Protein backbone atom coordinates (compact mmCIF):
# COMPACT_ATOMS: atom_id res chain seq x y z
CA UNK A 1 116.69 168.69 95.95
CA UNK A 2 114.52 167.53 96.97
CA UNK A 3 112.57 163.60 97.01
CA UNK A 4 109.43 162.41 95.09
CA UNK A 5 107.88 160.74 98.50
CA UNK A 6 104.05 160.43 98.83
CA UNK A 7 102.56 160.29 102.40
CA UNK A 8 102.09 156.70 102.43
CA UNK A 9 105.96 156.70 102.40
CA UNK A 10 106.57 159.52 105.77
CA UNK A 11 105.14 157.49 107.60
CA UNK A 12 106.68 153.71 107.66
CA UNK A 13 109.57 152.23 109.83
CA UNK A 14 113.27 154.21 110.04
CA UNK A 15 114.41 151.77 107.50
CA UNK A 16 113.24 154.33 104.51
CA UNK A 17 115.16 157.14 105.81
CA UNK A 18 118.16 155.08 105.13
CA UNK A 19 116.99 154.05 101.50
CA UNK A 20 116.69 158.00 101.24
CA UNK A 21 119.87 158.46 102.15
CA UNK A 22 121.57 155.02 100.11
CA UNK A 23 120.19 157.00 97.23
CA UNK A 24 121.00 160.38 98.25
CA UNK A 25 125.05 159.38 97.73
CA UNK A 26 124.07 157.99 93.89
CA UNK A 27 123.77 161.48 93.59
CA UNK A 28 126.44 162.96 95.45
CA UNK A 29 128.84 160.01 96.55
CA UNK A 30 131.04 162.06 97.96
CA UNK A 31 128.27 162.91 100.82
CA UNK A 32 128.78 162.08 105.02
CA UNK A 33 126.22 162.74 107.21
CA UNK A 34 129.25 164.08 109.18
CA UNK A 35 129.31 167.58 107.24
CA UNK A 36 126.63 170.39 108.07
CA UNK A 37 126.04 170.96 104.79
CA UNK A 38 125.38 167.58 103.98
CA UNK A 39 123.88 166.66 106.30
CA UNK A 40 121.30 169.50 106.30
CA UNK A 41 121.09 169.06 102.37
CA UNK A 42 119.83 165.36 103.02
CA UNK A 43 116.77 165.72 105.50
CA UNK A 44 116.18 168.99 104.04
CA UNK A 45 115.08 166.47 100.77
CA UNK A 46 113.44 163.90 103.01
CA UNK A 47 110.90 167.18 104.52
CA UNK A 48 110.36 168.70 101.83
CA UNK A 49 109.83 164.89 100.49
CA UNK A 50 107.54 164.57 103.17
CA UNK A 51 106.38 167.50 102.97
CA UNK A 52 104.73 168.04 98.57
CA UNK A 53 101.28 169.71 98.44
CA UNK A 54 101.36 170.97 102.42
CA UNK A 55 102.10 174.72 102.23
CA UNK A 56 105.58 174.38 104.72
CA UNK A 57 106.73 171.64 105.62
CA UNK A 58 106.29 170.89 109.78
CA UNK A 59 109.22 170.95 112.10
CA UNK A 60 107.64 168.12 113.62
CA UNK A 61 108.71 166.76 110.62
CA UNK A 62 112.18 167.65 110.22
CA UNK A 63 112.80 166.99 113.97
CA UNK A 64 111.74 162.84 114.19
CA UNK A 65 112.62 161.87 109.82
CA UNK A 66 115.88 163.01 111.64
CA UNK A 67 116.29 161.30 114.92
CA UNK A 68 114.29 158.16 113.23
CA UNK A 69 117.71 158.71 110.67
CA UNK A 70 120.80 159.60 113.63
CA UNK A 71 119.20 156.63 114.89
CA UNK A 72 119.21 154.02 112.24
CA UNK A 73 122.74 155.67 111.09
CA UNK A 74 124.13 154.46 114.24
CA UNK A 75 123.00 151.37 114.60
CA UNK A 76 124.92 150.30 110.45
CA UNK A 77 127.94 148.28 111.64
CA UNK A 78 131.18 150.40 110.51
CA UNK A 79 129.50 154.42 110.93
CA UNK A 80 129.92 156.27 113.62
CA UNK A 81 127.98 158.91 115.89
CA UNK A 82 127.24 162.08 114.39
CA UNK A 83 129.11 164.51 116.10
CA UNK A 84 127.20 166.46 118.71
CA UNK A 85 127.73 169.55 116.28
CA UNK A 86 125.96 168.28 113.62
CA UNK A 87 123.30 167.13 115.27
CA UNK A 88 121.84 169.30 117.17
CA UNK A 89 122.93 172.19 114.20
CA UNK A 90 120.11 170.09 111.92
CA UNK A 91 117.27 170.98 113.82
CA UNK A 92 117.85 174.99 112.81
CA UNK A 93 117.79 173.63 108.84
CA UNK A 94 115.80 176.42 107.72
CA UNK A 95 112.59 175.58 104.54
């Protein structure tokens, strides 16, 4: 799964990453960013959507999108911090 995102939306505010999460949860009701498999699947979809038309997604793009998402996730009331074992493993997602 990837999100059909245009380049315009890949450079906007962090809130967009949370809106992508909301769309992801609609398609995957049991989604939880605290699970490594879910987190990797989600961020891979975001990165592939942002990199549409390019030969290969940039590692920097993936790192930045994950950082944006995890930072804003913590700001939402009632959300627990994503565990370090999940956060750090995202940096090794294969695209």
